[in-house]
Amino acid sequence: MEHLNRTLSALADPTRRAIVARLAEGEATVSQLVDRFALTQPTISSHLKVLEAAGLISRSRVGQTRPCRLDPAGLKMLADWLADYERFWTDTLDRFVEQAEGASPTPTAGDADEDA
């Protein structure tokens, strides 16, 4: 559960969500992210550390660069957790629709005048 808490906390920040969205397009270096978001290198690096600790991204070293990419394992854990709630809402919505379809409409004041 601690890993899930770190993941949700990391995604609570709009800049980190935007970084994740950018990395969904493909790998990017820290410099490319700095240019994209017009933030300082230390700020981007700080966000990346949080995302990495949450297991959402991984970084490698290629020469002087540190390319970042989404980590499918971290995203799968989150997707699996959300899937449990999706089933809950789908089941709840299905029951609601079934109940609504089985209920007779409640007459309104205007309906009573039409019958007279």
N, C-alpha and C. Protein backbone atom coordinates (compact mmCIF):
# COMPACT_ATOMS: atom_id res chain seq x y z
N MET A 1 0.82 -1.20 0.00
CA MET A 1 0.00 0.00 0.00
C MET A 1 0.87 1.27 0.00
N GLU A 2 2.04 1.18 0.60
CA GLU A 2 2.94 2.34 0.63
C GLU A 2 3.34 2.75 -0.78
N HIS A 3 3.58 1.76 -1.64
CA HIS A 3 3.96 2.06 -3.02
C HIS A 3 2.82 2.79 -3.73
N LEU A 4 1.60 2.36 -3.50
CA LEU A 4 0.43 3.02 -4.10
C LEU A 4 0.32 4.46 -3.59
N ASN A 5 0.55 4.66 -2.31
CA ASN A 5 0.51 6.01 -1.75
C ASN A 5 1.54 6.92 -2.40
N ARG A 6 2.76 6.40 -2.60
CA ARG A 6 3.81 7.19 -3.26
C ARG A 6 3.41 7.52 -4.70
N THR A 7 2.81 6.56 -5.38
CA THR A 7 2.40 6.76 -6.77
C THR A 7 1.32 7.83 -6.86
N LEU A 8 0.30 7.71 -6.04
CA LEU A 8 -0.79 8.69 -6.07
C LEU A 8 -0.31 10.08 -5.64
N SER A 9 0.58 10.12 -4.67
CA SER A 9 1.14 11.39 -4.24
C SER A 9 1.96 12.03 -5.37
N ALA A 10 2.72 11.22 -6.07
CA ALA A 10 3.53 11.74 -7.19
C ALA A 10 2.62 12.32 -8.27
N LEU A 11 1.51 11.66 -8.54
CA LEU A 11 0.61 12.10 -9.60
C LEU A 11 -0.32 13.22 -9.16
N ALA A 12 -0.30 13.57 -7.90
CA ALA A 12 -1.14 14.67 -7.41
C ALA A 12 -0.65 16.02 -7.93
N ASP A 13 0.59 16.09 -8.32
CA ASP A 13 1.17 17.35 -8.80
C ASP A 13 0.93 17.50 -10.30
N PRO A 14 0.36 18.61 -10.76
CA PRO A 14 0.07 18.78 -12.18
C PRO A 14 1.31 18.78 -13.08
N THR A 15 2.43 19.28 -12.59
CA THR A 15 3.65 19.26 -13.40
C THR A 15 4.11 17.83 -13.61
N ARG A 16 4.06 17.01 -12.57
CA ARG A 16 4.48 15.62 -12.72
C ARG A 16 3.53 14.87 -13.64
N ARG A 17 2.23 15.15 -13.56
CA ARG A 17 1.29 14.52 -14.51
C ARG A 17 1.62 14.94 -15.94
N ALA A 18 1.99 16.18 -16.13
CA ALA A 18 2.36 16.66 -17.47
C ALA A 18 3.64 15.98 -17.95
N ILE A 19 4.58 15.76 -17.06
CA ILE A 19 5.81 15.05 -17.43
C ILE A 19 5.47 13.61 -17.83
N VAL A 20 4.61 12.96 -17.07
CA VAL A 20 4.19 11.60 -17.42
C VAL A 20 3.52 11.60 -18.79
N ALA A 21 2.66 12.57 -19.05
CA ALA A 21 2.00 12.66 -20.35
C ALA A 21 3.02 12.85 -21.46
N ARG A 22 4.04 13.67 -21.21
CA ARG A 22 5.08 13.87 -22.23
C ARG A 22 5.85 12.59 -22.47
N LEU A 23 6.19 11.87 -21.40
CA LEU A 23 6.95 10.64 -21.55
C LEU A 23 6.12 9.53 -22.19
N ALA A 24 4.81 9.65 -22.16
CA ALA A 24 3.95 8.69 -22.87
C ALA A 24 4.17 8.80 -24.38
N GLU A 25 4.65 9.95 -24.83
CA GLU A 25 4.97 10.16 -26.25
C GLU A 25 6.30 9.52 -26.62
N GLY A 26 7.13 9.25 -25.63
CA GLY A 26 8.44 8.64 -25.87
C GLY A 26 9.48 9.18 -24.90
N GLU A 27 10.62 8.55 -24.92
CA GLU A 27 11.74 8.90 -24.05
C GLU A 27 12.14 10.36 -24.24
N ALA A 28 12.62 10.97 -23.16
CA ALA A 28 13.09 12.35 -23.22
C ALA A 28 14.24 12.53 -22.24
N THR A 29 15.15 13.42 -22.59
CA THR A 29 16.25 13.75 -21.68
C THR A 29 15.77 14.84 -20.73
N VAL A 30 16.53 15.04 -19.67
CA VAL A 30 16.23 16.10 -18.72
C VAL A 30 16.23 17.44 -19.45
N SER A 31 17.20 17.66 -20.32
CA SER A 31 17.27 18.92 -21.08
C SER A 31 16.03 19.13 -21.93
N GLN A 32 15.55 18.09 -22.58
CA GLN A 32 14.33 18.20 -23.39
C GLN A 32 13.12 18.55 -22.51
N LEU A 33 13.07 17.99 -21.32
CA LEU A 33 11.97 18.30 -20.42
C LEU A 33 12.07 19.73 -19.90
N VAL A 34 13.30 20.19 -19.63
CA VAL A 34 13.50 21.58 -19.21
C VAL A 34 12.99 22.52 -20.29
N ASP A 35 13.34 22.26 -21.54
CA ASP A 35 12.88 23.10 -22.66
C ASP A 35 11.36 23.04 -22.81
N ARG A 36 10.80 21.86 -22.67
CA ARG A 36 9.36 21.67 -22.87
C ARG A 36 8.54 22.42 -21.83
N PHE A 37 8.98 22.38 -20.59
CA PHE A 37 8.18 22.95 -19.49
C PHE A 37 8.68 24.31 -19.02
N ALA A 38 9.76 24.80 -19.59
CA ALA A 38 10.30 26.10 -19.21
C ALA A 38 10.51 26.20 -17.70
N LEU A 39 11.04 25.13 -17.14
CA LEU A 39 11.39 25.09 -15.72
C LEU A 39 12.90 24.90 -15.62
N THR A 40 13.44 25.17 -14.45
CA THR A 40 14.88 25.01 -14.27
C THR A 40 15.23 23.52 -14.22
N GLN A 41 16.50 23.24 -14.50
CA GLN A 41 16.96 21.85 -14.45
C GLN A 41 16.79 21.25 -13.05
N PRO A 42 17.13 21.99 -11.98
CA PRO A 42 16.92 21.41 -10.64
C PRO A 42 15.44 21.11 -10.35
N THR A 43 14.53 21.95 -10.85
CA THR A 43 13.10 21.71 -10.62
C THR A 43 12.65 20.46 -11.35
N ILE A 44 13.03 20.32 -12.62
CA ILE A 44 12.68 19.12 -13.39
C ILE A 44 13.28 17.88 -12.73
N SER A 45 14.56 17.97 -12.32
CA SER A 45 15.22 16.84 -11.68
C SER A 45 14.50 16.43 -10.40
N SER A 46 14.04 17.40 -9.65
CA SER A 46 13.30 17.12 -8.41
C SER A 46 12.00 16.36 -8.73
N HIS A 47 11.28 16.81 -9.74
CA HIS A 47 10.05 16.11 -10.14
C HIS A 47 10.35 14.69 -10.61
N LEU A 48 11.44 14.55 -11.36
CA LEU A 48 11.79 13.22 -11.87
C LEU A 48 12.17 12.27 -10.74
N LYS A 49 12.82 12.77 -9.71
CA LYS A 49 13.16 11.93 -8.56
C LYS A 49 11.91 11.40 -7.88
N VAL A 50 10.90 12.24 -7.76
CA VAL A 50 9.64 11.81 -7.15
C VAL A 50 8.97 10.75 -8.01
N LEU A 51 8.93 10.98 -9.32
CA LEU A 51 8.32 10.01 -10.23
C LEU A 51 9.08 8.69 -10.24
N GLU A 52 10.40 8.78 -10.16
CA GLU A 52 11.22 7.57 -10.13
C GLU A 52 11.01 6.80 -8.83
N ALA A 53 10.96 7.50 -7.70
CA ALA A 53 10.73 6.84 -6.40
C ALA A 53 9.37 6.17 -6.36
N ALA A 54 8.41 6.72 -7.10
CA ALA A 54 7.07 6.13 -7.15
C ALA A 54 7.00 4.97 -8.14
N GLY A 55 8.08 4.73 -8.88
CA GLY A 55 8.10 3.63 -9.83
C GLY A 55 7.41 3.93 -11.15
N LEU A 56 7.15 5.21 -11.40
CA LEU A 56 6.45 5.58 -12.63
C LEU A 56 7.38 5.79 -13.82
N ILE A 57 8.63 6.13 -13.54
CA ILE A 57 9.61 6.32 -14.63
C ILE A 57 10.90 5.62 -14.27
N SER A 58 11.71 5.42 -15.29
CA SER A 58 13.08 4.93 -15.07
C SER A 58 14.01 5.84 -15.85
N ARG A 59 15.24 5.93 -15.37
CA ARG A 59 16.25 6.77 -16.03
C ARG A 59 17.49 5.93 -16.26
N SER A 60 18.15 6.21 -17.36
CA SER A 60 19.41 5.55 -17.66
C SER A 60 20.45 6.62 -17.92
N ARG A 61 21.67 6.18 -18.14
CA ARG A 61 22.73 7.14 -18.45
C ARG A 61 23.30 6.75 -19.81
N VAL A 62 23.27 7.72 -20.71
CA VAL A 62 23.87 7.55 -22.04
C VAL A 62 24.82 8.72 -22.23
N GLY A 63 26.09 8.46 -22.03
CA GLY A 63 27.08 9.55 -22.09
C GLY A 63 26.79 10.56 -21.00
N GLN A 64 26.58 11.80 -21.41
CA GLN A 64 26.29 12.88 -20.46
C GLN A 64 24.79 13.05 -20.21
N THR A 65 23.96 12.33 -20.91
CA THR A 65 22.50 12.53 -20.78
C THR A 65 21.88 11.48 -19.88
N ARG A 66 20.70 11.82 -19.36
CA ARG A 66 19.93 10.92 -18.50
C ARG A 66 18.53 10.75 -19.10
N PRO A 67 18.37 9.92 -20.15
CA PRO A 67 17.06 9.74 -20.74
C PRO A 67 16.07 9.14 -19.74
N CYS A 68 14.84 9.63 -19.81
CA CYS A 68 13.77 9.17 -18.92
C CYS A 68 12.70 8.49 -19.78
N ARG A 69 12.09 7.47 -19.20
CA ARG A 69 11.00 6.80 -19.90
C ARG A 69 9.99 6.31 -18.86
N LEU A 70 8.77 6.13 -19.31
CA LEU A 70 7.76 5.58 -18.41
C LEU A 70 8.13 4.15 -18.05
N ASP A 71 7.80 3.75 -16.84
CA ASP A 71 8.04 2.38 -16.39
C ASP A 71 6.70 1.65 -16.41
N PRO A 72 6.53 0.71 -17.32
CA PRO A 72 5.24 0.02 -17.43
C PRO A 72 4.81 -0.68 -16.14
N ALA A 73 5.75 -1.17 -15.36
CA ALA A 73 5.39 -1.88 -14.13
C ALA A 73 4.69 -0.96 -13.14
N GLY A 74 5.20 0.26 -12.99
CA GLY A 74 4.58 1.21 -12.08
C GLY A 74 3.20 1.62 -12.54
N LEU A 75 3.05 1.79 -13.84
CA LEU A 75 1.74 2.16 -14.39
C LEU A 75 0.76 0.99 -14.29
N LYS A 76 1.24 -0.25 -14.45
CA LYS A 76 0.36 -1.41 -14.36
C LYS A 76 -0.20 -1.56 -12.96
N MET A 77 0.65 -1.34 -11.96
CA MET A 77 0.19 -1.44 -10.58
C MET A 77 -0.95 -0.45 -10.34
N LEU A 78 -0.80 0.75 -10.85
CA LEU A 78 -1.84 1.76 -10.69
C LEU A 78 -3.09 1.38 -11.47
N ALA A 79 -2.92 0.89 -12.69
CA ALA A 79 -4.05 0.48 -13.51
C ALA A 79 -4.81 -0.68 -12.86
N ASP A 80 -4.09 -1.62 -12.27
CA ASP A 80 -4.74 -2.75 -11.58
C ASP A 80 -5.56 -2.26 -10.40
N TRP A 81 -5.02 -1.33 -9.64
CA TRP A 81 -5.74 -0.79 -8.49
C TRP A 81 -7.01 -0.07 -8.96
N LEU A 82 -6.88 0.73 -10.01
CA LEU A 82 -8.05 1.45 -10.54
C LEU A 82 -9.08 0.50 -11.14
N ALA A 83 -8.63 -0.62 -11.70
CA ALA A 83 -9.55 -1.59 -12.31
C ALA A 83 -10.53 -2.13 -11.27
N ASP A 84 -10.08 -2.33 -10.04
CA ASP A 84 -10.99 -2.78 -8.98
C ASP A 84 -12.13 -1.79 -8.79
N TYR A 85 -11.83 -0.52 -8.83
CA TYR A 85 -12.85 0.51 -8.65
C TYR A 85 -13.70 0.67 -9.89
N GLU A 86 -13.13 0.42 -11.04
CA GLU A 86 -13.91 0.48 -12.28
C GLU A 86 -15.00 -0.59 -12.23
N ARG A 87 -14.65 -1.79 -11.77
CA ARG A 87 -15.65 -2.86 -11.63
C ARG A 87 -16.74 -2.43 -10.65
N PHE A 88 -16.34 -1.81 -9.55
CA PHE A 88 -17.33 -1.35 -8.57
C PHE A 88 -18.30 -0.35 -9.21
N TRP A 89 -17.76 0.66 -9.89
CA TRP A 89 -18.63 1.68 -10.49
C TRP A 89 -19.48 1.10 -11.61
N THR A 90 -18.93 0.19 -12.39
CA THR A 90 -19.70 -0.43 -13.47
C THR A 90 -20.85 -1.23 -12.88
N ASP A 91 -20.59 -2.03 -11.85
CA ASP A 91 -21.64 -2.82 -11.20
C ASP A 91 -22.69 -1.90 -10.59
N THR A 92 -22.24 -0.84 -9.92
CA THR A 92 -23.17 0.10 -9.30
C THR A 92 -24.03 0.79 -10.35
N LEU A 93 -23.43 1.21 -11.43
CA LEU A 93 -24.18 1.86 -12.51
C LEU A 93 -25.18 0.89 -13.14
N ASP A 94 -24.75 -0.36 -13.35
CA ASP A 94 -25.67 -1.36 -13.92
C ASP A 94 -26.88 -1.57 -13.01
N ARG A 95 -26.66 -1.67 -11.70
CA ARG A 95 -27.78 -1.84 -10.75
C ARG A 95 -28.69 -0.61 -10.78
N PHE A 96 -28.10 0.57 -10.85
CA PHE A 96 -28.88 1.79 -10.88
C PHE A 96 -29.77 1.83 -12.12
N VAL A 97 -29.21 1.46 -13.27
CA VAL A 97 -29.99 1.46 -14.51
C VAL A 97 -31.11 0.42 -14.43
N GLU A 98 -30.80 -0.76 -13.91
CA GLU A 98 -31.83 -1.80 -13.76
C GLU A 98 -32.96 -1.32 -12.86
N GLN A 99 -32.62 -0.66 -11.77
CA GLN A 99 -33.65 -0.15 -10.86
C GLN A 99 -34.46 0.94 -11.54
N ALA A 100 -33.80 1.82 -12.27
CA ALA A 100 -34.50 2.91 -12.95
C ALA A 100 -35.43 2.37 -14.03
N GLU A 101 -35.02 1.34 -14.74
CA GLU A 101 -35.85 0.77 -15.79
C GLU A 101 -37.05 0.03 -15.20
N GLY A 102 -36.87 -0.55 -14.01
CA GLY A 102 -37.96 -1.30 -13.37
C GLY A 102 -38.95 -0.43 -12.63
N ALA A 103 -38.60 0.81 -12.33
CA ALA A 103 -39.48 1.70 -11.57
C ALA A 103 -40.48 2.35 -12.51
N SER A 104 -41.71 2.50 -12.02
CA SER A 104 -42.70 3.20 -12.84
C SER A 104 -42.47 4.70 -12.68
N PRO A 105 -42.73 5.46 -13.75
CA PRO A 105 -42.52 6.90 -13.66
C PRO A 105 -43.43 7.53 -12.61
N THR A 106 -42.91 8.51 -11.92
CA THR A 106 -43.69 9.23 -10.92
C THR A 106 -44.53 10.28 -11.65
N PRO A 107 -45.85 10.27 -11.45
CA PRO A 107 -46.68 11.26 -12.15
C PRO A 107 -46.39 12.67 -11.64
N THR A 108 -46.46 13.62 -12.55
CA THR A 108 -46.27 15.01 -12.18
C THR A 108 -47.63 15.66 -12.11
N ALA A 109 -47.71 16.86 -11.60
CA ALA A 109 -48.98 17.58 -11.46
C ALA A 109 -49.64 17.77 -12.82
N GLY A 110 -48.87 18.00 -13.86
CA GLY A 110 -49.42 18.18 -15.21
C GLY A 110 -50.02 16.90 -15.74
N ASP A 111 -49.49 15.74 -15.35
CA ASP A 111 -50.02 14.47 -15.82
C ASP A 111 -51.43 14.23 -15.30
N ALA A 112 -51.71 14.64 -14.07
CA ALA A 112 -53.03 14.43 -13.49
C ALA A 112 -54.09 15.22 -14.26
N ASP A 113 -53.75 16.43 -14.74
CA ASP A 113 -54.71 17.24 -15.48
C ASP A 113 -55.04 16.61 -16.82
N GLU A 114 -54.08 15.94 -17.45
CA GLU A 114 -54.31 15.33 -18.74
C GLU A 114 -55.29 14.17 -18.65
N ASP A 115 -55.34 13.46 -17.54
CA ASP A 115 -56.24 12.31 -17.38
C ASP A 115 -57.67 12.76 -17.16
N ALA A 116 -57.90 13.93 -16.71
CA ALA A 116 -59.24 14.38 -16.37
C ALA A 116 -60.08 14.69 -17.56
